[in-house]
């Protein structure tokens, strides 16, 4: 069952990266516009 944990870890890492990108788009984008 090692492949199950391996797939679960990859899905968790991918979802974490997607959530980070979306969160930066909504929260950090406004700050970048204010600096310009």
C-alpha atoms as a PDB file:
ATOM      1  CA  UNK A   1       0.000   0.000   0.000  1.00  0.00           C
ATOM      2  CA  UNK A   2       2.998   2.317  -0.299  1.00  0.00           C
ATOM      3  CA  UNK A   3       1.653   3.715  -3.559  1.00  0.00           C
ATOM      4  CA  UNK A   4      -1.506   4.906  -1.781  1.00  0.00           C
ATOM      5  CA  UNK A   5       0.523   7.037   0.642  1.00  0.00           C
ATOM      6  CA  UNK A   6       2.703   8.248  -2.247  1.00  0.00           C
ATOM      7  CA  UNK A   7      -0.311   9.374  -4.314  1.00  0.00           C
ATOM      8  CA  UNK A   8      -1.915  10.937  -1.233  1.00  0.00           C
ATOM      9  CA  UNK A   9       1.259  12.911  -0.521  1.00  0.00           C
ATOM     10  CA  UNK A  10       1.486  14.169  -4.107  1.00  0.00           C
ATOM     11  CA  UNK A  11      -2.178  15.206  -4.119  1.00  0.00           C
ATOM     12  CA  UNK A  12      -1.671  17.018  -0.805  1.00  0.00           C
ATOM     13  CA  UNK A  13       1.398  18.859  -2.122  1.00  0.00           C
ATOM     14  CA  UNK A  14      -0.367  19.814  -5.380  1.00  0.00           C
ATOM     15  CA  UNK A  15      -3.457  21.065  -3.562  1.00  0.00           C
ATOM     16  CA  UNK A  16      -1.267  23.045  -1.143  1.00  0.00           C
ATOM     17  CA  UNK A  17       0.543  24.695  -4.059  1.00  0.00           C
ATOM     18  CA  UNK A  18      -2.727  25.532  -5.839  1.00  0.00           C
ATOM     19  CA  UNK A  19      -4.227  27.009  -2.651  1.00  0.00           C
ATOM     20  CA  UNK A  20      -1.071  29.080  -2.137  1.00  0.00           C
ATOM     21  CA  UNK A  21      -1.201  30.414  -5.716  1.00  0.00           C
ATOM     22  CA  UNK A  22      -4.906  31.294  -5.450  1.00  0.00           C
ATOM     23  CA  UNK A  23      -4.426  32.935  -2.042  1.00  0.00           C
ATOM     24  CA  UNK A  24      -1.511  35.024  -3.337  1.00  0.00           C
ATOM     25  CA  UNK A  25      -3.566  36.057  -6.373  1.00  0.00           C
ATOM     26  CA  UNK A  26      -6.383  37.440  -4.198  1.00  0.00           C
ATOM     27  CA  UNK A  27      -4.455  38.802  -1.199  1.00  0.00           C
ATOM     28  CA  UNK A  28      -0.988  39.724  -2.498  1.00  0.00           C
ATOM     29  CA  UNK A  29      -2.119  41.124  -5.851  1.00  0.00           C
ATOM     30  CA  UNK A  30      -3.788  44.144  -4.228  1.00  0.00           C
ATOM     31  CA  UNK A  31      -0.624  44.957  -2.298  1.00  0.00           C
ATOM     32  CA  UNK A  32       1.420  44.861  -5.499  1.00  0.00           C
ATOM     33  CA  UNK A  33      -0.964  47.283  -7.199  1.00  0.00           C
ATOM     34  CA  UNK A  34      -0.767  49.690  -4.252  1.00  0.00           C
ATOM     35  CA  UNK A  35       3.042  49.754  -4.417  1.00  0.00           C
ATOM     36  CA  UNK A  36       2.935  50.774  -8.099  1.00  0.00           C
END
